[in-house]
């Protein structure tokens, strides 16, 4: 579904990604891990066209999206839950959800307002609350629900549970595991090996702008040296 092939991305004169590559098949849950500052968010920004790769290529379902603007990439079927959530503070929950809603590329999307509120009952309870009145956990639920309202083929979550209380994290993991069971393709950027290894298919670990390890959950859980060297676990 997604192929990132040897991309090099810069901020000004500073190179951040050095031949970064990864692949995600339809229906897969794939993680991207690494310490802070290793290029995970830049990889996401390059995929979404927010910080364009200067070389290499990014293919989504066979279409080269490397040079496309972000709105066209989103319309092709990639939904983003950005780092920091970035919900609209002056819109209420319902307005946040419908503001960027899209029926999907084929016009037959499965995600509707009722369905995302069923997935996150807390949002139904808070549907008239403004974005800046929500807790961090509620904002993350809203960010995920907002992305699902675009009916994405691929869902990307950048720092999926950063700063959230343990109970909220568990709720997010349960949500993602449920989406996987429905066949949703997902790329997750997070650091929680224990939680992610329970439902993710494959993992990539980044160091200084490139992939230094990849493998399945069993390999990651059993490789203490890799976890200590690259994740500090």
Protein backbone atom coordinates (compact mmCIF):
# COMPACT_ATOMS: atom_id res chain seq x y z
CA UNK A 1 0.00 0.00 0.00
CA UNK A 2 2.74 2.47 0.99
CA UNK A 3 6.34 2.41 -0.17
CA UNK A 4 8.89 4.93 1.04
CA UNK A 5 11.98 4.39 -1.08
CA UNK A 6 15.32 5.93 -0.07
CA UNK A 7 14.06 9.43 0.65
CA UNK A 8 16.33 12.28 1.72
CA UNK A 9 14.66 15.19 3.49
CA UNK A 10 16.13 18.49 4.64
CA UNK A 11 15.15 21.46 6.79
CA UNK A 12 17.03 24.22 5.06
CA UNK A 13 20.62 23.06 4.78
CA UNK A 14 20.25 20.44 7.53
CA UNK A 15 19.60 16.91 6.32
CA UNK A 16 17.29 14.89 8.59
CA UNK A 17 16.46 11.75 6.58
CA UNK A 18 19.22 9.74 4.94
CA UNK A 19 17.85 7.16 2.49
CA UNK A 20 14.81 6.44 4.67
CA UNK A 21 12.77 3.44 3.47
CA UNK A 22 9.75 1.51 4.75
CA UNK A 23 6.78 -0.43 3.42
CA UNK A 24 3.25 -1.07 4.63
CA UNK A 25 0.97 -3.69 3.08
CA UNK A 26 -2.81 -3.44 3.05
CA UNK A 27 -4.25 -4.45 6.41
CA UNK A 28 -0.92 -4.22 8.22
CA UNK A 29 -0.17 -2.38 11.44
CA UNK A 30 3.42 -1.15 11.29
CA UNK A 31 5.28 0.87 13.92
CA UNK A 32 8.06 3.40 13.59
CA UNK A 33 10.16 3.71 16.74
CA UNK A 34 13.29 5.46 17.92
CA UNK A 35 14.51 8.03 20.39
CA UNK A 36 13.46 11.66 20.07
CA UNK A 37 15.05 13.58 17.23
CA UNK A 38 15.80 10.57 15.04
CA UNK A 39 13.50 11.56 12.15
CA UNK A 40 10.20 9.82 12.86
CA UNK A 41 8.03 12.91 12.59
CA UNK A 42 10.01 14.12 9.56
CA UNK A 43 9.24 10.77 7.90
CA UNK A 44 5.55 11.37 8.52
CA UNK A 45 5.80 14.93 7.25
CA UNK A 46 7.50 13.70 4.09
CA UNK A 47 4.80 11.09 3.49
CA UNK A 48 2.10 13.73 3.93
CA UNK A 49 3.85 16.32 1.73
CA UNK A 50 4.32 18.75 4.63
CA UNK A 51 8.12 18.65 4.30
CA UNK A 52 8.86 17.40 0.83
CA UNK A 53 11.59 14.84 0.27
CA UNK A 54 14.30 16.21 -2.01
CA UNK A 55 15.13 12.81 -3.47
CA UNK A 56 13.82 9.26 -3.43
CA UNK A 57 10.16 8.45 -3.96
CA UNK A 58 6.99 7.75 -2.00
CA UNK A 59 4.34 5.53 -3.59
CA UNK A 60 0.80 5.11 -2.28
CA UNK A 61 -1.19 2.33 -3.91
CA UNK A 62 1.07 2.65 -6.93
CA UNK A 63 0.76 6.44 -7.26
CA UNK A 64 3.87 8.54 -6.84
CA UNK A 65 2.91 11.10 -4.18
CA UNK A 66 6.41 12.48 -3.54
CA UNK A 67 5.71 15.92 -5.01
CA UNK A 68 1.97 16.17 -4.34
CA UNK A 69 0.51 18.83 -2.01
CA UNK A 70 -0.81 17.63 1.33
CA UNK A 71 -4.50 18.02 0.54
CA UNK A 72 -4.19 15.78 -2.52
CA UNK A 73 -2.34 13.14 -0.50
CA UNK A 74 -5.11 13.22 2.11
CA UNK A 75 -7.76 12.87 -0.60
CA UNK A 76 -5.97 9.81 -1.97
CA UNK A 77 -6.65 8.09 1.33
CA UNK A 78 -4.04 8.85 4.01
CA UNK A 79 -5.43 10.10 7.33
CA UNK A 80 -3.07 11.75 9.82
CA UNK A 81 -3.32 12.04 13.60
CA UNK A 82 -0.54 14.61 14.04
CA UNK A 83 1.85 15.03 16.93
CA UNK A 84 0.27 17.48 19.36
CA UNK A 85 -3.24 16.60 18.03
CA UNK A 86 -3.76 20.08 16.46
CA UNK A 87 -7.51 20.08 16.91
CA UNK A 88 -9.33 23.38 16.38
CA UNK A 89 -9.73 24.96 19.83
CA UNK A 90 -12.57 27.27 18.85
CA UNK A 91 -14.73 24.56 17.28
CA UNK A 92 -16.77 22.12 19.32
CA UNK A 93 -16.34 18.35 19.05
CA UNK A 94 -18.95 17.87 16.33
CA UNK A 95 -17.60 20.79 14.31
CA UNK A 96 -14.06 19.38 14.54
CA UNK A 97 -15.33 16.06 13.24
CA UNK A 98 -17.30 17.34 10.26
CA UNK A 99 -14.94 20.16 9.22
CA UNK A 100 -12.66 17.87 7.22
CA UNK A 101 -14.95 14.85 6.76
CA UNK A 102 -14.69 13.05 3.43
CA UNK A 103 -16.57 10.08 2.03
CA UNK A 104 -13.40 8.39 0.82
CA UNK A 105 -11.87 8.04 -2.59
CA UNK A 106 -14.55 5.64 -3.84
CA UNK A 107 -17.39 7.53 -2.18
CA UNK A 108 -18.30 4.52 -0.06
CA UNK A 109 -16.57 5.28 3.21
CA UNK A 110 -17.47 3.25 6.30
CA UNK A 111 -16.86 6.01 8.83
CA UNK A 112 -19.68 8.37 9.71
CA UNK A 113 -20.35 10.73 12.60
CA UNK A 114 -22.46 8.15 14.40
CA UNK A 115 -19.82 5.47 13.99
CA UNK A 116 -16.91 7.49 15.38
CA UNK A 117 -19.07 8.56 18.33
CA UNK A 118 -19.85 4.90 18.91
CA UNK A 119 -16.12 4.15 18.85
CA UNK A 120 -15.45 6.94 21.37
CA UNK A 121 -18.53 7.32 23.61
CA UNK A 122 -16.77 10.03 25.61
CA UNK A 123 -16.86 12.27 22.55
CA UNK A 124 -20.64 11.86 22.34
CA UNK A 125 -20.88 13.05 25.93
CA UNK A 126 -18.68 16.05 25.10
CA UNK A 127 -20.03 16.77 21.62
CA UNK A 128 -20.86 20.43 22.35
CA UNK A 129 -17.61 21.14 24.23
CA UNK A 130 -15.05 23.35 22.54
CA UNK A 131 -11.73 21.82 21.55
CA UNK A 132 -9.84 23.80 24.20
CA UNK A 133 -12.15 22.47 26.92
CA UNK A 134 -11.18 18.83 26.39
CA UNK A 135 -8.63 16.86 28.38
CA UNK A 136 -5.50 15.58 26.63
CA UNK A 137 -7.02 12.13 26.30
CA UNK A 138 -10.26 13.49 24.88
CA UNK A 139 -8.31 15.59 22.41
CA UNK A 140 -6.42 12.51 21.22
CA UNK A 141 -9.69 10.60 20.81
CA UNK A 142 -11.01 13.54 18.80
CA UNK A 143 -7.88 13.64 16.64
CA UNK A 144 -8.23 9.93 15.84
CA UNK A 145 -11.96 10.27 15.18
CA UNK A 146 -11.35 13.28 12.94
CA UNK A 147 -8.83 11.30 10.87
CA UNK A 148 -11.26 8.37 10.58
CA UNK A 149 -13.93 10.78 9.32
CA UNK A 150 -11.81 11.19 6.19
CA UNK A 151 -12.31 7.44 5.58
CA UNK A 152 -8.60 6.74 5.09
CA UNK A 153 -7.08 3.71 3.44
CA UNK A 154 -4.02 4.27 5.66
CA UNK A 155 -4.16 5.83 9.13
CA UNK A 156 -0.97 7.42 10.51
CA UNK A 157 -0.62 8.28 14.19
CA UNK A 158 2.37 10.39 15.21
CA UNK A 159 3.17 9.99 18.93
CA UNK A 160 -0.05 8.10 19.49
CA UNK A 161 -0.08 8.15 23.30
CA UNK A 162 2.51 10.76 24.27
CA UNK A 163 1.62 12.50 27.54
CA UNK A 164 -1.54 10.50 28.14
CA UNK A 165 -2.59 8.83 31.37
CA UNK A 166 -2.14 5.02 31.49
CA UNK A 167 -5.89 4.28 31.32
CA UNK A 168 -6.28 6.52 28.27
CA UNK A 169 -3.30 4.85 26.62
CA UNK A 170 -4.95 1.47 27.09
CA UNK A 171 -8.12 2.82 25.50
CA UNK A 172 -6.14 4.05 22.49
CA UNK A 173 -4.36 0.69 22.10
CA UNK A 174 -7.68 -1.14 22.32
CA UNK A 175 -9.08 1.16 19.64
CA UNK A 176 -6.15 0.52 17.30
CA UNK A 177 -6.33 -3.24 17.85
CA UNK A 178 -10.01 -3.11 16.95
CA UNK A 179 -9.28 -1.12 13.79
CA UNK A 180 -6.69 -3.71 12.80
CA UNK A 181 -9.29 -6.46 13.14
CA UNK A 182 -11.44 -4.53 10.68
CA UNK A 183 -8.57 -4.48 8.17
CA UNK A 184 -7.45 -0.89 8.66
CA UNK A 185 -3.87 -0.23 7.57
CA UNK A 186 -2.03 1.74 10.27
CA UNK A 187 1.37 3.33 10.78
CA UNK A 188 2.00 4.11 14.47
CA UNK A 189 4.81 6.25 15.85
CA UNK A 190 5.19 5.52 19.54
CA UNK A 191 7.63 4.07 22.08
CA UNK A 192 5.51 1.53 23.96
CA UNK A 193 7.01 -1.77 22.80
CA UNK A 194 4.96 -3.88 25.20
CA UNK A 195 1.61 -2.52 24.02
CA UNK A 196 2.46 -2.30 20.32
CA UNK A 197 3.93 -5.80 20.11
CA UNK A 198 0.54 -7.26 21.03
CA UNK A 199 -1.15 -6.19 17.81
CA UNK A 200 1.39 -4.72 15.37
CA UNK A 201 2.66 -6.88 12.50
CA UNK A 202 6.07 -5.33 11.95
CA UNK A 203 8.34 -2.69 13.44
CA UNK A 204 10.96 -0.26 12.15
CA UNK A 205 13.49 1.44 14.41
CA UNK A 206 15.17 4.68 13.33
CA UNK A 207 18.52 6.12 14.29
CA UNK A 208 19.86 9.38 12.84
CA UNK A 209 17.43 9.57 9.95
CA UNK A 210 17.50 6.00 8.70
CA UNK A 211 16.21 2.54 9.54
CA UNK A 212 18.64 0.52 11.64
CA UNK A 213 16.39 -2.42 12.52
CA UNK A 214 13.20 -4.01 11.25
CA UNK A 215 11.34 -7.16 12.19
CA UNK A 216 8.22 -8.70 13.67
CA UNK A 217 6.91 -8.40 17.22
CA UNK A 218 8.46 -11.64 18.45
CA UNK A 219 11.90 -10.56 17.25
CA UNK A 220 11.57 -7.14 18.86
CA UNK A 221 10.34 -8.41 22.22
CA UNK A 222 13.13 -10.98 22.43
CA UNK A 223 15.98 -8.69 21.34
CA UNK A 224 16.97 -6.88 24.52
CA UNK A 225 20.12 -5.48 22.94
CA UNK A 226 18.19 -3.70 20.20
CA UNK A 227 15.67 -2.27 22.67
CA UNK A 228 18.42 -0.99 24.94
CA UNK A 229 20.64 0.36 22.17
CA UNK A 230 18.03 2.18 20.11
CA UNK A 231 15.04 2.69 22.44
CA UNK A 232 16.69 2.99 25.82
CA UNK A 233 14.56 0.17 27.26
